[in-house]
């Protein structure tokens, strides 16, 4: 499983916007779990720039898909938001 899909699921289920730091902390927590698989363990070593690049790629993919929502970074925190025409 690609890390970007893990980030996507974290953001989708989040109750608030999340910063790169918060996303990395969640990844580190998952990596520390006894039953963590290889993908979860790999999150422990992901750098901020890699997380940001994955989030930017996800944002482009959602924009290209022309969905009713998009991934946005507002004040340094990432969240899914409704496209203006659907608000």
Protein backbone atom coordinates (compact mmCIF):
# COMPACT_ATOMS: atom_id res chain seq x y z
CA UNK A 1 0.00 0.00 0.00
CA UNK A 2 1.34 3.40 -0.92
CA UNK A 3 1.90 5.90 1.90
CA UNK A 4 -0.25 8.46 0.07
CA UNK A 5 -3.28 6.20 0.49
CA UNK A 6 -2.58 5.90 4.20
CA UNK A 7 -2.38 9.69 4.41
CA UNK A 8 -5.62 9.94 2.46
CA UNK A 9 -7.42 7.61 4.87
CA UNK A 10 -6.06 9.47 7.90
CA UNK A 11 -7.30 12.79 6.53
CA UNK A 12 -10.63 11.35 5.45
CA UNK A 13 -11.34 10.08 8.97
CA UNK A 14 -9.86 13.07 10.81
CA UNK A 15 -12.12 15.32 12.82
CA UNK A 16 -9.97 18.35 12.07
CA UNK A 17 -7.35 19.54 9.58
CA UNK A 18 -3.97 17.88 10.15
CA UNK A 19 -0.48 19.26 9.72
CA UNK A 20 2.39 17.30 8.23
CA UNK A 21 3.81 16.96 11.74
CA UNK A 22 0.54 15.47 13.03
CA UNK A 23 0.36 13.06 10.11
CA UNK A 24 3.93 11.93 10.70
CA UNK A 25 3.18 11.42 14.42
CA UNK A 26 0.19 9.23 13.52
CA UNK A 27 2.44 7.26 11.19
CA UNK A 28 5.03 6.80 13.93
CA UNK A 29 2.32 5.59 16.31
CA UNK A 30 1.11 3.06 13.73
CA UNK A 31 4.69 1.91 13.13
CA UNK A 32 5.18 1.27 16.84
CA UNK A 33 2.16 -1.05 17.11
CA UNK A 34 2.97 -4.71 17.71
CA UNK A 35 0.89 -5.84 14.75
CA UNK A 36 2.23 -3.18 12.35
CA UNK A 37 2.83 -4.44 8.84
CA UNK A 38 5.72 -3.44 6.60
CA UNK A 39 3.90 -0.42 5.19
CA UNK A 40 3.07 0.92 8.64
CA UNK A 41 6.64 0.37 9.81
CA UNK A 42 7.95 2.27 6.79
CA UNK A 43 5.99 5.35 7.85
CA UNK A 44 8.36 5.82 10.77
CA UNK A 45 11.12 6.89 8.37
CA UNK A 46 9.07 9.19 6.12
CA UNK A 47 10.39 12.76 6.00
CA UNK A 48 8.30 15.94 6.03
CA UNK A 49 9.14 16.67 2.39
CA UNK A 50 7.98 13.20 1.35
CA UNK A 51 4.70 13.61 3.23
CA UNK A 52 4.16 17.01 1.63
CA UNK A 53 4.92 15.62 -1.84
CA UNK A 54 2.45 12.76 -1.32
CA UNK A 55 -0.23 15.19 -0.15
CA UNK A 56 0.35 17.47 -3.13
CA UNK A 57 0.08 14.47 -5.45
CA UNK A 58 -3.19 13.44 -3.79
CA UNK A 59 -4.51 16.99 -4.16
CA UNK A 60 -3.72 16.93 -7.90
CA UNK A 61 -5.35 13.52 -8.30
CA UNK A 62 -8.53 14.64 -6.56
CA UNK A 63 -8.63 17.83 -8.63
CA UNK A 64 -8.19 15.86 -11.87
CA UNK A 65 -10.95 13.45 -10.88
CA UNK A 66 -13.41 16.39 -10.79
CA UNK A 67 -15.07 15.21 -7.59
CA UNK A 68 -17.38 17.24 -5.35
CA UNK A 69 -14.53 17.61 -2.87
CA UNK A 70 -10.81 18.32 -2.96
CA UNK A 71 -7.78 18.10 -0.71
CA UNK A 72 -6.65 21.53 0.45
CA UNK A 73 -3.89 22.94 2.62
CA UNK A 74 -5.08 25.87 4.71
CA UNK A 75 -2.71 27.55 7.15
CA UNK A 76 -0.36 24.57 7.05
CA UNK A 77 -3.00 21.93 7.77
CA UNK A 78 -4.51 19.52 5.26
CA UNK A 79 -8.19 18.64 4.96
CA UNK A 80 -10.83 17.54 2.52
CA UNK A 81 -13.18 20.39 1.59
CA UNK A 82 -16.26 20.65 -0.58
CA UNK A 83 -15.78 22.22 -3.99
CA UNK A 84 -17.30 25.74 -3.96
CA UNK A 85 -19.99 24.86 -6.51
CA UNK A 86 -21.29 22.13 -4.16
CA UNK A 87 -21.22 24.13 -0.92
